[in-house]
């Protein structure tokens, strides 16, 4: 998982003074999932990541992997 997502979730959770368990319960996912998300596990289900991000008014979306001038007409 992208470190930006992991850092975002952890920072938002802490700002709202939620424990990992609190966040898991509110998002409807398991505690283990929240731990793995915050640790940046490389393979996580996008639908579950979106469940968590939805609590903060966000969702996953495409971002350019290369600077635009390198992408060309792709």
PDB file of N, CA and C in Angstrom:
ATOM      1  N   UNK A   1       0.861  -1.176   0.000  1.00  0.00           N
ATOM      2  CA  UNK A   1       0.000   0.000   0.000  1.00  0.00           C
ATOM      3  C   UNK A   1       0.898   1.226   0.000  1.00  0.00           C
ATOM      4  N   UNK A   2       0.456   2.225  -0.671  1.00  0.00           N
ATOM      5  CA  UNK A   2       1.183   3.482  -0.770  1.00  0.00           C
ATOM      6  C   UNK A   2       1.386   4.069   0.629  1.00  0.00           C
ATOM      7  N   UNK A   3       2.617   4.483   0.905  1.00  0.00           N
ATOM      8  CA  UNK A   3       2.933   5.046   2.231  1.00  0.00           C
ATOM      9  C   UNK A   3       2.133   6.313   2.514  1.00  0.00           C
ATOM     10  N   UNK A   4       1.783   7.062   1.469  1.00  0.00           N
ATOM     11  CA  UNK A   4       0.990   8.269   1.679  1.00  0.00           C
ATOM     12  C   UNK A   4      -0.370   7.918   2.274  1.00  0.00           C
ATOM     13  N   UNK A   5      -0.978   6.839   1.804  1.00  0.00           N
ATOM     14  CA  UNK A   5      -2.273   6.402   2.333  1.00  0.00           C
ATOM     15  C   UNK A   5      -2.108   5.952   3.777  1.00  0.00           C
ATOM     16  N   UNK A   6      -1.085   5.180   4.039  1.00  0.00           N
ATOM     17  CA  UNK A   6      -0.839   4.698   5.401  1.00  0.00           C
ATOM     18  C   UNK A   6      -0.651   5.859   6.369  1.00  0.00           C
ATOM     19  N   UNK A   7       0.184   6.805   5.977  1.00  0.00           N
ATOM     20  CA  UNK A   7       0.451   7.969   6.827  1.00  0.00           C
ATOM     21  C   UNK A   7      -0.799   8.822   7.008  1.00  0.00           C
ATOM     22  N   UNK A   8      -1.563   8.989   5.941  1.00  0.00           N
ATOM     23  CA  UNK A   8      -2.798   9.767   5.998  1.00  0.00           C
ATOM     24  C   UNK A   8      -3.771   9.169   7.012  1.00  0.00           C
ATOM     25  N   UNK A   9      -4.007   7.869   6.915  1.00  0.00           N
ATOM     26  CA  UNK A   9      -4.958   7.203   7.810  1.00  0.00           C
ATOM     27  C   UNK A   9      -4.498   7.311   9.258  1.00  0.00           C
ATOM     28  N   UNK A  10      -3.236   7.032   9.493  1.00  0.00           N
ATOM     29  CA  UNK A  10      -2.722   7.076  10.864  1.00  0.00           C
ATOM     30  C   UNK A  10      -2.821   8.492  11.442  1.00  0.00           C
ATOM     31  N   UNK A  11      -2.440   9.493  10.655  1.00  0.00           N
ATOM     32  CA  UNK A  11      -2.495  10.877  11.132  1.00  0.00           C
ATOM     33  C   UNK A  11      -3.937  11.309  11.414  1.00  0.00           C
ATOM     34  N   UNK A  12      -4.859  10.977  10.517  1.00  0.00           N
ATOM     35  CA  UNK A  12      -6.267  11.345  10.733  1.00  0.00           C
ATOM     36  C   UNK A  12      -6.831  10.645  11.960  1.00  0.00           C
ATOM     37  N   UNK A  13      -6.493   9.362  12.108  1.00  0.00           N
ATOM     38  CA  UNK A  13      -6.980   8.603  13.266  1.00  0.00           C
ATOM     39  C   UNK A  13      -6.505   9.250  14.557  1.00  0.00           C
ATOM     40  N   UNK A  14      -5.228   9.602  14.601  1.00  0.00           N
ATOM     41  CA  UNK A  14      -4.674  10.203  15.818  1.00  0.00           C
ATOM     42  C   UNK A  14      -5.248  11.592  16.068  1.00  0.00           C
ATOM     43  N   UNK A  15      -5.449  12.361  14.990  1.00  0.00           N
ATOM     44  CA  UNK A  15      -6.019  13.705  15.145  1.00  0.00           C
ATOM     45  C   UNK A  15      -7.411  13.633  15.769  1.00  0.00           C
ATOM     46  N   UNK A  16      -8.156  12.575  15.411  1.00  0.00           N
ATOM     47  CA  UNK A  16      -9.497  12.394  15.962  1.00  0.00           C
ATOM     48  C   UNK A  16      -9.505  11.632  17.286  1.00  0.00           C
ATOM     49  N   UNK A  17      -8.303  11.332  17.775  1.00  0.00           N
ATOM     50  CA  UNK A  17      -8.134  10.625  19.051  1.00  0.00           C
ATOM     51  C   UNK A  17      -8.856   9.269  19.066  1.00  0.00           C
ATOM     52  N   UNK A  18      -8.730   8.558  17.946  1.00  0.00           N
ATOM     53  CA  UNK A  18      -9.312   7.221  17.837  1.00  0.00           C
ATOM     54  C   UNK A  18      -8.218   6.178  18.011  1.00  0.00           C
ATOM     55  N   UNK A  19      -8.549   5.092  18.675  1.00  0.00           N
ATOM     56  CA  UNK A  19      -7.638   3.955  18.709  1.00  0.00           C
ATOM     57  C   UNK A  19      -7.793   3.200  17.390  1.00  0.00           C
ATOM     58  N   UNK A  20      -6.873   2.294  17.126  1.00  0.00           N
ATOM     59  CA  UNK A  20      -7.014   1.459  15.938  1.00  0.00           C
ATOM     60  C   UNK A  20      -8.309   0.648  16.025  1.00  0.00           C
ATOM     61  N   UNK A  21      -8.655   0.181  17.200  1.00  0.00           N
ATOM     62  CA  UNK A  21      -9.896  -0.578  17.397  1.00  0.00           C
ATOM     63  C   UNK A  21     -11.103   0.299  17.085  1.00  0.00           C
ATOM     64  N   UNK A  22     -11.111   1.540  17.572  1.00  0.00           N
ATOM     65  CA  UNK A  22     -12.210   2.470  17.290  1.00  0.00           C
ATOM     66  C   UNK A  22     -12.393   2.647  15.787  1.00  0.00           C
ATOM     67  N   UNK A  23     -11.286   2.886  15.085  1.00  0.00           N
ATOM     68  CA  UNK A  23     -11.351   3.092  13.644  1.00  0.00           C
ATOM     69  C   UNK A  23     -11.864   1.844  12.944  1.00  0.00           C
ATOM     70  N   UNK A  24     -11.371   0.687  13.338  1.00  0.00           N
ATOM     71  CA  UNK A  24     -11.822  -0.569  12.743  1.00  0.00           C
ATOM     72  C   UNK A  24     -13.327  -0.750  12.926  1.00  0.00           C
ATOM     73  N   UNK A  25     -13.810  -0.495  14.124  1.00  0.00           N
ATOM     74  CA  UNK A  25     -15.237  -0.644  14.412  1.00  0.00           C
ATOM     75  C   UNK A  25     -16.075   0.329  13.583  1.00  0.00           C
ATOM     76  N   UNK A  26     -15.648   1.577  13.520  1.00  0.00           N
ATOM     77  CA  UNK A  26     -16.410   2.580  12.770  1.00  0.00           C
ATOM     78  C   UNK A  26     -16.411   2.308  11.274  1.00  0.00           C
ATOM     79  N   UNK A  27     -15.304   1.766  10.762  1.00  0.00           N
ATOM     80  CA  UNK A  27     -15.195   1.496   9.326  1.00  0.00           C
ATOM     81  C   UNK A  27     -15.782   0.145   8.939  1.00  0.00           C
ATOM     82  N   UNK A  28     -16.035  -0.705   9.922  1.00  0.00           N
ATOM     83  CA  UNK A  28     -16.574  -2.023   9.629  1.00  0.00           C
ATOM     84  C   UNK A  28     -15.532  -2.986   9.075  1.00  0.00           C
ATOM     85  N   UNK A  29     -14.287  -2.794   9.508  1.00  0.00           N
ATOM     86  CA  UNK A  29     -13.203  -3.695   9.105  1.00  0.00           C
ATOM     87  C   UNK A  29     -12.559  -4.237  10.368  1.00  0.00           C
ATOM     88  N   UNK A  30     -11.682  -5.205  10.213  1.00  0.00           N
ATOM     89  CA  UNK A  30     -11.025  -5.796  11.360  1.00  0.00           C
ATOM     90  C   UNK A  30      -9.852  -4.978  11.866  1.00  0.00           C
ATOM     91  N   UNK A  31      -9.519  -5.177  13.115  1.00  0.00           N
ATOM     92  CA  UNK A  31      -8.376  -4.501  13.721  1.00  0.00           C
ATOM     93  C   UNK A  31      -7.095  -4.847  12.969  1.00  0.00           C
ATOM     94  N   UNK A  32      -6.944  -6.096  12.597  1.00  0.00           N
ATOM     95  CA  UNK A  32      -5.754  -6.528  11.854  1.00  0.00           C
ATOM     96  C   UNK A  32      -5.619  -5.734  10.554  1.00  0.00           C
ATOM     97  N   UNK A  33      -6.747  -5.485   9.875  1.00  0.00           N
ATOM     98  CA  UNK A  33      -6.702  -4.719   8.630  1.00  0.00           C
ATOM     99  C   UNK A  33      -6.168  -3.313   8.878  1.00  0.00           C
ATOM    100  N   UNK A  34      -6.641  -2.655   9.931  1.00  0.00           N
ATOM    101  CA  UNK A  34      -6.180  -1.305  10.249  1.00  0.00           C
ATOM    102  C   UNK A  34      -4.686  -1.318  10.551  1.00  0.00           C
ATOM    103  N   UNK A  35      -4.247  -2.297  11.315  1.00  0.00           N
ATOM    104  CA  UNK A  35      -2.814  -2.396  11.628  1.00  0.00           C
ATOM    105  C   UNK A  35      -1.991  -2.553  10.354  1.00  0.00           C
ATOM    106  N   UNK A  36      -2.422  -3.443   9.468  1.00  0.00           N
ATOM    107  CA  UNK A  36      -1.695  -3.676   8.226  1.00  0.00           C
ATOM    108  C   UNK A  36      -1.732  -2.435   7.325  1.00  0.00           C
ATOM    109  N   UNK A  37      -2.855  -1.750   7.288  1.00  0.00           N
ATOM    110  CA  UNK A  37      -2.973  -0.530   6.495  1.00  0.00           C
ATOM    111  C   UNK A  37      -1.996   0.528   6.993  1.00  0.00           C
ATOM    112  N   UNK A  38      -1.974   0.758   8.299  1.00  0.00           N
ATOM    113  CA  UNK A  38      -1.090   1.771   8.869  1.00  0.00           C
ATOM    114  C   UNK A  38       0.381   1.389   8.763  1.00  0.00           C
ATOM    115  N   UNK A  39       0.668   0.105   8.659  1.00  0.00           N
ATOM    116  CA  UNK A  39       2.055  -0.340   8.503  1.00  0.00           C
ATOM    117  C   UNK A  39       2.491  -0.350   7.041  1.00  0.00           C
ATOM    118  N   UNK A  40       1.569  -0.055   6.133  1.00  0.00           N
ATOM    119  CA  UNK A  40       1.916   0.026   4.721  1.00  0.00           C
ATOM    120  C   UNK A  40       2.009  -1.303   4.013  1.00  0.00           C
ATOM    121  N   UNK A  41       1.253  -2.290   4.464  1.00  0.00           N
ATOM    122  CA  UNK A  41       1.275  -3.581   3.791  1.00  0.00           C
ATOM    123  C   UNK A  41       1.010  -3.382   2.293  1.00  0.00           C
ATOM    124  N   UNK A  42       1.785  -4.072   1.471  1.00  0.00           N
ATOM    125  CA  UNK A  42       1.743  -3.857   0.020  1.00  0.00           C
ATOM    126  C   UNK A  42       0.461  -4.357  -0.636  1.00  0.00           C
ATOM    127  N   UNK A  43      -0.176  -5.351  -0.056  1.00  0.00           N
ATOM    128  CA  UNK A  43      -1.378  -5.910  -0.681  1.00  0.00           C
ATOM    129  C   UNK A  43      -2.550  -5.844   0.286  1.00  0.00           C
ATOM    130  N   UNK A  44      -3.478  -4.959  -0.016  1.00  0.00           N
ATOM    131  CA  UNK A  44      -4.705  -4.821   0.766  1.00  0.00           C
ATOM    132  C   UNK A  44      -5.870  -4.660  -0.194  1.00  0.00           C
ATOM    133  N   UNK A  45      -7.040  -5.061   0.222  1.00  0.00           N
ATOM    134  CA  UNK A  45      -8.230  -4.922  -0.622  1.00  0.00           C
ATOM    135  C   UNK A  45      -8.630  -3.465  -0.731  1.00  0.00           C
ATOM    136  N   UNK A  46      -8.729  -2.986  -1.954  1.00  0.00           N
ATOM    137  CA  UNK A  46      -9.067  -1.585  -2.201  1.00  0.00           C
ATOM    138  C   UNK A  46     -10.441  -1.228  -1.641  1.00  0.00           C
ATOM    139  N   UNK A  47     -11.399  -2.146  -1.716  1.00  0.00           N
ATOM    140  CA  UNK A  47     -12.726  -1.830  -1.196  1.00  0.00           C
ATOM    141  C   UNK A  47     -12.679  -1.565   0.303  1.00  0.00           C
ATOM    142  N   UNK A  48     -11.852  -2.310   1.016  1.00  0.00           N
ATOM    143  CA  UNK A  48     -11.731  -2.095   2.456  1.00  0.00           C
ATOM    144  C   UNK A  48     -10.961  -0.806   2.765  1.00  0.00           C
ATOM    145  N   UNK A  49      -9.942  -0.509   1.955  1.00  0.00           N
ATOM    146  CA  UNK A  49      -9.219   0.747   2.133  1.00  0.00           C
ATOM    147  C   UNK A  49     -10.204   1.900   1.947  1.00  0.00           C
ATOM    148  N   UNK A  50     -11.059   1.799   0.948  1.00  0.00           N
ATOM    149  CA  UNK A  50     -12.058   2.849   0.710  1.00  0.00           C
ATOM    150  C   UNK A  50     -13.066   2.946   1.848  1.00  0.00           C
ATOM    151  N   UNK A  51     -13.395   1.840   2.493  1.00  0.00           N
ATOM    152  CA  UNK A  51     -14.283   1.890   3.658  1.00  0.00           C
ATOM    153  C   UNK A  51     -13.675   2.774   4.745  1.00  0.00           C
ATOM    154  N   UNK A  52     -12.373   2.608   4.954  1.00  0.00           N
ATOM    155  CA  UNK A  52     -11.681   3.394   5.977  1.00  0.00           C
ATOM    156  C   UNK A  52     -11.584   4.850   5.530  1.00  0.00           C
ATOM    157  N   UNK A  53     -11.143   5.080   4.300  1.00  0.00           N
ATOM    158  CA  UNK A  53     -10.976   6.444   3.803  1.00  0.00           C
ATOM    159  C   UNK A  53     -12.300   7.212   3.767  1.00  0.00           C
ATOM    160  N   UNK A  54     -13.403   6.513   3.558  1.00  0.00           N
ATOM    161  CA  UNK A  54     -14.713   7.163   3.501  1.00  0.00           C
ATOM    162  C   UNK A  54     -15.039   7.878   4.815  1.00  0.00           C
ATOM    163  N   UNK A  55     -14.544   7.360   5.916  1.00  0.00           N
ATOM    164  CA  UNK A  55     -14.778   8.011   7.213  1.00  0.00           C
ATOM    165  C   UNK A  55     -14.140   9.394   7.276  1.00  0.00           C
ATOM    166  N   UNK A  56     -13.119   9.609   6.449  1.00  0.00           N
ATOM    167  CA  UNK A  56     -12.416  10.890   6.411  1.00  0.00           C
ATOM    168  C   UNK A  56     -12.796  11.703   5.175  1.00  0.00           C
ATOM    169  N   UNK A  57     -13.832  11.267   4.462  1.00  0.00           N
ATOM    170  CA  UNK A  57     -14.283  11.984   3.285  1.00  0.00           C
ATOM    171  C   UNK A  57     -13.365  11.841   2.081  1.00  0.00           C
ATOM    172  N   UNK A  58     -12.649  10.725   1.986  1.00  0.00           N
ATOM    173  CA  UNK A  58     -11.713  10.485   0.892  1.00  0.00           C
ATOM    174  C   UNK A  58     -11.940   9.105   0.283  1.00  0.00           C
ATOM    175  N   UNK A  59     -11.319   8.867  -0.867  1.00  0.00           N
ATOM    176  CA  UNK A  59     -11.316   7.544  -1.490  1.00  0.00           C
ATOM    177  C   UNK A  59     -10.053   7.407  -2.329  1.00  0.00           C
ATOM    178  N   UNK A  60      -9.720   6.173  -2.655  1.00  0.00           N
ATOM    179  CA  UNK A  60      -8.575   5.921  -3.526  1.00  0.00           C
ATOM    180  C   UNK A  60      -8.886   6.409  -4.925  1.00  0.00           C
ATOM    181  N   UNK A  61      -7.879   6.834  -5.616  1.00  0.00           N
ATOM    182  CA  UNK A  61      -8.053   7.263  -6.993  1.00  0.00           C
ATOM    183  C   UNK A  61      -6.738   7.189  -7.739  1.00  0.00           C
ATOM    184  N   UNK A  62      -6.794   7.253  -9.064  1.00  0.00           N
ATOM    185  CA  UNK A  62      -5.564   7.167  -9.846  1.00  0.00           C
ATOM    186  C   UNK A  62      -4.734   8.449  -9.738  1.00  0.00           C
ATOM    187  N   UNK A  63      -3.454   8.254  -9.626  1.00  0.00           N
ATOM    188  CA  UNK A  63      -2.527   9.372  -9.660  1.00  0.00           C
ATOM    189  C   UNK A  63      -1.426   9.021 -10.655  1.00  0.00           C
ATOM    190  N   UNK A  64      -0.859  10.002 -11.314  1.00  0.00           N
ATOM    191  CA  UNK A  64       0.196   9.710 -12.292  1.00  0.00           C
ATOM    192  C   UNK A  64       1.404   9.061 -11.630  1.00  0.00           C
ATOM    193  N   UNK A  65       1.917   8.024 -12.258  1.00  0.00           N
ATOM    194  CA  UNK A  65       3.117   7.360 -11.766  1.00  0.00           C
ATOM    195  C   UNK A  65       4.365   8.038 -12.316  1.00  0.00           C
ATOM    196  N   UNK A  66       4.231   8.709 -13.457  1.00  0.00           N
ATOM    197  CA  UNK A  66       5.340   9.396 -14.102  1.00  0.00           C
ATOM    198  C   UNK A  66       4.957  10.849 -14.322  1.00  0.00           C
ATOM    199  N   UNK A  67       5.937  11.731 -14.385  1.00  0.00           N
ATOM    200  CA  UNK A  67       5.607  13.115 -14.748  1.00  0.00           C
ATOM    201  C   UNK A  67       4.864  13.137 -16.074  1.00  0.00           C
ATOM    202  N   UNK A  68       3.922  14.033 -16.239  1.00  0.00           N
ATOM    203  CA  UNK A  68       3.046  14.057 -17.401  1.00  0.00           C
ATOM    204  C   UNK A  68       3.800  14.043 -18.727  1.00  0.00           C
ATOM    205  N   UNK A  69       4.924  14.762 -18.814  1.00  0.00           N
ATOM    206  CA  UNK A  69       5.634  14.806 -20.074  1.00  0.00           C
ATOM    207  C   UNK A  69       6.245  13.455 -20.444  1.00  0.00           C
ATOM    208  N   UNK A  70       6.442  12.536 -19.489  1.00  0.00           N
ATOM    209  CA  UNK A  70       6.975  11.221 -19.777  1.00  0.00           C
ATOM    210  C   UNK A  70       5.883  10.244 -20.175  1.00  0.00           C
ATOM    211  N   UNK A  71       4.641  10.532 -19.832  1.00  0.00           N
ATOM    212  CA  UNK A  71       3.537   9.629 -20.107  1.00  0.00           C
ATOM    213  C   UNK A  71       3.180   9.661 -21.583  1.00  0.00           C
ATOM    214  N   UNK A  72       3.244  10.820 -22.195  1.00  0.00           N
ATOM    215  CA  UNK A  72       2.896  10.941 -23.606  1.00  0.00           C
ATOM    216  C   UNK A  72       1.424  10.751 -23.822  1.00  0.00           C
ATOM    217  N   UNK A  73       1.053   9.968 -24.814  1.00  0.00           N
ATOM    218  CA  UNK A  73      -0.354   9.747 -25.167  1.00  0.00           C
ATOM    219  C   UNK A  73      -0.945   8.525 -24.474  1.00  0.00           C
ATOM    220  N   UNK A  74      -0.305   8.010 -23.481  1.00  0.00           N
ATOM    221  CA  UNK A  74      -0.752   6.771 -22.833  1.00  0.00           C
ATOM    222  C   UNK A  74      -2.116   6.898 -22.210  1.00  0.00           C
TER     223      UNK A  74
END
